[in-house]
Amino acid sequence: MIQDNYIVAGIAIAAIMTYLTRIMPFLFFRKKEPNKTVKYIEYNMPVMIMVVLVFYALKDVTWEVYPYGMAEIISIMVTIFLHLRFQNALLSIFAATLTYMVLVQEVF
C-alpha cells in the first residue's frame, strides 16, 4: 500500500518535471527574438537529422558481401529524391524506412 503511493508520487513528479522542462524555454524566451544560431539550427535541423540517420544506417553495412549494401543505397536514393522533390522530412524518412524494410524483408 505504501509502496504504491511512492510509485504514484514518483510518476507524478516525473510527469511534472518533464512538463516543466518542455515549457520553460517558452516562458523564459517568449518576448525575445531568437539569435542567429537558434534560427540556423531551426532551419537546418531536418537536414541534420537526415544526415545522422544516413550515417546510422550505413555504420553496420558489409560492403564486401552480397547484397553489397544495395538496400541501404536504394533507400538513401529514395530519401534524397523525395526530399528534393517535396521538401518534407517526415515523408522522406517514412518512405525511405518503408523502402528499406521492404527491400530487406522481401528482395534481399
C-alpha atoms as a PDB file:
ATOM      1  CA  MET A   1       0.000   0.000   0.000  1.00  0.00           C
ATOM      2  CA  ILE A   2       2.707   2.479   0.989  1.00  0.00           C
ATOM      3  CA  GLN A   3       4.872   1.305  -1.891  1.00  0.00           C
ATOM      4  CA  ASP A   4       2.012   2.097  -4.310  1.00  0.00           C
ATOM      5  CA  ASN A   5       1.942   5.681  -3.028  1.00  0.00           C
ATOM      6  CA  TYR A   6       5.682   6.019  -3.717  1.00  0.00           C
ATOM      7  CA  ILE A   7       5.214   4.744  -7.249  1.00  0.00           C
ATOM      8  CA  VAL A   8       2.326   7.129  -7.928  1.00  0.00           C
ATOM      9  CA  ALA A   9       4.276  10.023  -6.394  1.00  0.00           C
ATOM     10  CA  GLY A  10       7.343   9.147  -8.488  1.00  0.00           C
ATOM     11  CA  ILE A  11       5.305   9.058 -11.688  1.00  0.00           C
ATOM     12  CA  ALA A  12       3.618  12.357 -10.811  1.00  0.00           C
ATOM     13  CA  ILE A  13       6.944  14.063 -10.054  1.00  0.00           C
ATOM     14  CA  ALA A  14       8.465  12.732 -13.283  1.00  0.00           C
ATOM     15  CA  ALA A  15       5.455  13.981 -15.268  1.00  0.00           C
ATOM     16  CA  ILE A  16       5.600  17.435 -13.675  1.00  0.00           C
ATOM     17  CA  MET A  17       9.348  17.748 -14.248  1.00  0.00           C
ATOM     18  CA  THR A  18       9.020  16.615 -17.864  1.00  0.00           C
ATOM     19  CA  TYR A  19       6.286  19.197 -18.417  1.00  0.00           C
ATOM     20  CA  LEU A  20       8.362  21.928 -16.782  1.00  0.00           C
ATOM     21  CA  THR A  21      11.417  21.207 -18.899  1.00  0.00           C
ATOM     22  CA  ARG A  22       9.247  21.416 -22.029  1.00  0.00           C
ATOM     23  CA  ILE A  23       7.557  24.691 -21.080  1.00  0.00           C
ATOM     24  CA  MET A  24      10.490  26.583 -19.524  1.00  0.00           C
ATOM     25  CA  PRO A  25      12.045  27.786 -22.803  1.00  0.00           C
ATOM     26  CA  PHE A  26       8.702  29.281 -23.832  1.00  0.00           C
ATOM     27  CA  LEU A  27       8.345  31.034 -20.501  1.00  0.00           C
ATOM     28  CA  PHE A  28      11.878  32.435 -20.457  1.00  0.00           C
ATOM     29  CA  PHE A  29      12.218  33.417 -24.103  1.00  0.00           C
ATOM     30  CA  ARG A  30       8.685  34.320 -25.182  1.00  0.00           C
ATOM     31  CA  LYS A  31       9.427  38.026 -25.711  1.00  0.00           C
ATOM     32  CA  LYS A  32      12.876  37.699 -27.207  1.00  0.00           C
ATOM     33  CA  GLU A  33      13.719  37.245 -30.861  1.00  0.00           C
ATOM     34  CA  PRO A  34      15.885  34.124 -31.330  1.00  0.00           C
ATOM     35  CA  ASN A  35      19.506  34.782 -32.196  1.00  0.00           C
ATOM     36  CA  LYS A  36      21.164  33.774 -35.470  1.00  0.00           C
ATOM     37  CA  THR A  37      22.444  30.452 -34.120  1.00  0.00           C
ATOM     38  CA  VAL A  38      18.999  29.307 -32.998  1.00  0.00           C
ATOM     39  CA  LYS A  39      17.478  30.357 -36.324  1.00  0.00           C
ATOM     40  CA  TYR A  40      20.223  28.486 -38.199  1.00  0.00           C
ATOM     41  CA  ILE A  41      19.639  25.310 -36.160  1.00  0.00           C
ATOM     42  CA  GLU A  42      15.869  25.607 -36.570  1.00  0.00           C
ATOM     43  CA  TYR A  43      16.192  25.997 -40.338  1.00  0.00           C
ATOM     44  CA  ASN A  44      18.721  23.174 -40.822  1.00  0.00           C
ATOM     45  CA  MET A  45      17.528  20.636 -38.235  1.00  0.00           C
ATOM     46  CA  PRO A  46      15.641  18.358 -40.685  1.00  0.00           C
ATOM     47  CA  VAL A  47      18.724  18.032 -42.879  1.00  0.00           C
ATOM     48  CA  MET A  48      20.946  17.404 -39.848  1.00  0.00           C
ATOM     49  CA  ILE A  49      18.604  14.655 -38.664  1.00  0.00           C
ATOM     50  CA  MET A  50      18.646  13.083 -42.129  1.00  0.00           C
ATOM     51  CA  VAL A  51      22.464  13.075 -42.171  1.00  0.00           C
ATOM     52  CA  VAL A  52      22.581  11.379 -38.773  1.00  0.00           C
ATOM     53  CA  LEU A  53      20.084   8.762 -39.950  1.00  0.00           C
ATOM     54  CA  VAL A  54      22.124   8.086 -43.090  1.00  0.00           C
ATOM     55  CA  PHE A  55      25.324   7.553 -41.113  1.00  0.00           C
ATOM     56  CA  TYR A  56      23.464   5.359 -38.645  1.00  0.00           C
ATOM     57  CA  ALA A  57      22.030   3.260 -41.474  1.00  0.00           C
ATOM     58  CA  LEU A  58      25.456   2.803 -43.069  1.00  0.00           C
ATOM     59  CA  LYS A  59      27.521   2.053 -39.973  1.00  0.00           C
ATOM     60  CA  ASP A  60      26.997  -1.734 -39.988  1.00  0.00           C
ATOM     61  CA  VAL A  61      26.781  -2.393 -43.719  1.00  0.00           C
ATOM     62  CA  THR A  62      29.073  -5.117 -45.016  1.00  0.00           C
ATOM     63  CA  TRP A  63      30.056  -3.759 -48.405  1.00  0.00           C
ATOM     64  CA  GLU A  64      32.036  -6.826 -49.489  1.00  0.00           C
ATOM     65  CA  VAL A  65      29.223  -9.391 -49.029  1.00  0.00           C
ATOM     66  CA  TYR A  66      26.008  -9.805 -51.049  1.00  0.00           C
ATOM     67  CA  PRO A  67      23.797  -7.704 -51.344  1.00  0.00           C
ATOM     68  CA  TYR A  68      26.657  -5.160 -51.049  1.00  0.00           C
ATOM     69  CA  GLY A  69      24.543  -2.555 -49.273  1.00  0.00           C
ATOM     70  CA  MET A  70      22.057  -2.262 -52.122  1.00  0.00           C
ATOM     71  CA  ALA A  71      19.042  -1.919 -49.799  1.00  0.00           C
ATOM     72  CA  GLU A  72      20.728   0.968 -47.998  1.00  0.00           C
ATOM     73  CA  ILE A  73      21.853   2.672 -51.204  1.00  0.00           C
ATOM     74  CA  ILE A  74      18.401   2.409 -52.795  1.00  0.00           C
ATOM     75  CA  SER A  75      16.745   3.712 -49.622  1.00  0.00           C
ATOM     76  CA  ILE A  76      19.135   6.658 -49.475  1.00  0.00           C
ATOM     77  CA  MET A  77      18.404   7.470 -53.113  1.00  0.00           C
ATOM     78  CA  VAL A  78      14.654   7.371 -52.378  1.00  0.00           C
ATOM     79  CA  THR A  79      15.213   9.705 -49.428  1.00  0.00           C
ATOM     80  CA  ILE A  80      17.235  12.184 -51.474  1.00  0.00           C
ATOM     81  CA  PHE A  81      14.742  12.172 -54.343  1.00  0.00           C
ATOM     82  CA  LEU A  82      11.705  12.660 -52.100  1.00  0.00           C
ATOM     83  CA  HIS A  83      13.353  15.335 -50.014  1.00  0.00           C
ATOM     84  CA  LEU A  84      14.463  17.324 -53.049  1.00  0.00           C
ATOM     85  CA  ARG A  85      11.095  16.893 -54.725  1.00  0.00           C
ATOM     86  CA  PHE A  86       8.711  17.566 -51.812  1.00  0.00           C
ATOM     87  CA  GLN A  87      10.873  19.256 -49.121  1.00  0.00           C
ATOM     88  CA  ASN A  88       9.112  17.182 -46.471  1.00  0.00           C
ATOM     89  CA  ALA A  89      11.439  15.476 -43.992  1.00  0.00           C
ATOM     90  CA  LEU A  90       8.709  13.317 -42.469  1.00  0.00           C
ATOM     91  CA  LEU A  91       7.659  11.962 -45.863  1.00  0.00           C
ATOM     92  CA  SER A  92      11.277  11.326 -46.848  1.00  0.00           C
ATOM     93  CA  ILE A  93      12.147   9.486 -43.651  1.00  0.00           C
ATOM     94  CA  PHE A  94       8.949   7.427 -43.609  1.00  0.00           C
ATOM     95  CA  ALA A  95       9.161   6.433 -47.288  1.00  0.00           C
ATOM     96  CA  ALA A  96      12.859   5.550 -47.023  1.00  0.00           C
ATOM     97  CA  THR A  97      12.241   3.433 -43.934  1.00  0.00           C
ATOM     98  CA  LEU A  98       9.384   1.644 -45.667  1.00  0.00           C
ATOM     99  CA  THR A  99      11.521   1.121 -48.784  1.00  0.00           C
ATOM    100  CA  TYR A 100      14.393  -0.239 -46.718  1.00  0.00           C
ATOM    101  CA  MET A 101      12.191  -2.634 -44.772  1.00  0.00           C
ATOM    102  CA  VAL A 102      10.547  -3.985 -47.930  1.00  0.00           C
ATOM    103  CA  LEU A 103      13.924  -4.445 -49.615  1.00  0.00           C
ATOM    104  CA  VAL A 104      15.459  -6.198 -46.626  1.00  0.00           C
ATOM    105  CA  GLN A 105      12.463  -8.429 -45.915  1.00  0.00           C
ATOM    106  CA  GLU A 106      11.312  -9.281 -49.436  1.00  0.00           C
ATOM    107  CA  VAL A 107      14.047  -8.601 -52.013  1.00  0.00           C
ATOM    108  CA  PHE A 108      17.472  -9.130 -50.480  1.00  0.00           C
END
